[in-house]
Protein backbone atom coordinates (compact mmCIF):
# COMPACT_ATOMS: atom_id res chain seq x y z
CA UNK A 1 41.55 -1.27 125.15
CA UNK A 2 40.67 -4.70 123.75
CA UNK A 3 37.39 -4.63 121.92
CA UNK A 4 36.11 -7.92 122.14
CA UNK A 5 33.89 -10.29 119.39
CA UNK A 6 30.80 -13.18 120.27
CA UNK A 7 29.24 -14.19 117.20
CA UNK A 8 26.40 -17.76 116.77
CA UNK A 9 26.22 -17.42 113.72
CA UNK A 10 22.84 -15.89 113.56
CA UNK A 11 24.12 -12.99 115.52
CA UNK A 12 27.01 -11.29 117.51
CA UNK A 13 28.63 -8.21 118.68
CA UNK A 14 31.21 -5.90 120.12
CA UNK A 15 32.31 -4.89 123.27
CA UNK A 16 34.12 -3.38 125.51
CA UNK A 17 35.15 -4.46 129.24
CA UNK A 18 35.88 -2.64 132.11
CA UNK A 19 36.73 -4.83 135.42
CA UNK A 20 34.83 -7.17 134.01
CA UNK A 21 31.58 -5.49 133.51
CA UNK A 22 30.67 -4.33 129.64
CA UNK A 23 30.22 -0.57 129.24
CA UNK A 24 30.11 -0.40 125.54
CA UNK A 25 28.12 -2.54 122.76
CA UNK A 26 27.47 -3.00 119.31
CA UNK A 27 25.07 -5.89 118.37
CA UNK A 28 24.88 -7.22 115.12
CA UNK A 29 23.06 -9.51 112.94
CA UNK A 30 23.95 -12.20 109.73
CA UNK A 31 21.64 -11.47 106.29
CA UNK A 32 23.00 -14.78 105.01
CA UNK A 33 26.20 -15.62 104.70
CA UNK A 34 28.37 -12.58 103.53
CA UNK A 35 26.60 -9.33 105.07
CA UNK A 36 25.97 -8.10 108.62
CA UNK A 37 23.64 -5.55 110.05
CA UNK A 38 25.21 -3.40 113.14
CA UNK A 39 21.36 -2.32 114.02
CA UNK A 40 22.79 -1.21 117.91
CA UNK A 41 25.29 0.61 119.41
CA UNK A 42 25.35 2.35 122.83
CA UNK A 43 28.01 3.65 125.17
CA UNK A 44 28.33 4.13 128.82
CA UNK A 45 28.02 7.90 129.87
CA UNK A 46 31.74 6.89 132.14
CA UNK A 47 33.08 6.42 128.06
CA UNK A 48 31.48 8.92 126.35
CA UNK A 49 33.77 11.21 124.28
CA UNK A 50 36.93 8.96 124.78
CA UNK A 51 36.28 7.23 121.01
CA UNK A 52 34.67 4.38 121.95
CA UNK A 53 32.23 4.29 119.93
CA UNK A 54 34.50 4.26 116.57
CA UNK A 55 36.28 1.66 117.48
CA UNK A 56 33.19 -0.86 118.25
CA UNK A 57 32.79 0.20 114.23
CA UNK A 58 36.35 -0.36 113.63
CA UNK A 59 36.19 -3.98 115.40
CA UNK A 60 33.30 -4.66 113.13
CA UNK A 61 35.06 -3.56 109.55
CA UNK A 62 38.33 -5.61 110.19
CA UNK A 63 35.68 -8.15 111.27
CA UNK A 64 33.71 -7.90 107.89
CA UNK A 65 37.31 -7.60 105.76
CA UNK A 66 38.75 -10.71 106.90
CA UNK A 67 36.06 -12.89 106.45
CA UNK A 68 35.35 -11.59 103.05
CA UNK A 69 31.78 -10.06 104.17
CA UNK A 70 29.45 -6.91 103.70
CA UNK A 71 28.40 -4.34 106.34
CA UNK A 72 24.70 -2.66 105.85
CA UNK A 73 24.98 0.24 109.26
CA UNK A 74 21.07 0.33 110.38
CA UNK A 75 22.10 2.03 113.35
CA UNK A 76 22.36 5.81 113.62
CA UNK A 77 25.46 6.13 115.16
CA UNK A 78 26.94 3.09 112.69
CA UNK A 79 26.02 4.80 109.59
CA UNK A 80 27.51 8.11 110.57
CA UNK A 81 30.41 6.53 111.70
CA UNK A 82 30.63 5.11 107.60
CA UNK A 83 30.09 8.62 106.53
CA UNK A 84 32.95 9.88 108.18
CA UNK A 85 35.14 7.22 107.23
CA UNK A 86 35.08 6.79 104.08
CA UNK A 87 38.20 4.75 104.36
CA UNK A 88 35.21 1.52 105.27
CA UNK A 89 33.48 2.69 102.31
CA UNK A 90 35.01 -0.97 101.23
CA UNK A 91 32.75 -3.01 103.71
CA UNK A 92 29.56 -1.58 102.56
CA UNK A 93 27.06 -3.22 101.75
């Protein structure tokens, strides 16, 4: 499973495609140069229960660690994942 990433320096997204069709998405916005705000996550009903949402959050954590930035998860789903996954706390703002 490959989570893809796009960013224009102001906003970005992590997403998952099946046969070239986007099926899962998590969007974020930059808040300054050292923080991103996760504002939305959605997963197609056909993929529910497969952990795709968790994989999107995991990709954002890897990105934050690589770029030495912090994450503010305003999206309720992402916030719930951060509460469950204590090992992600180093990336929280």
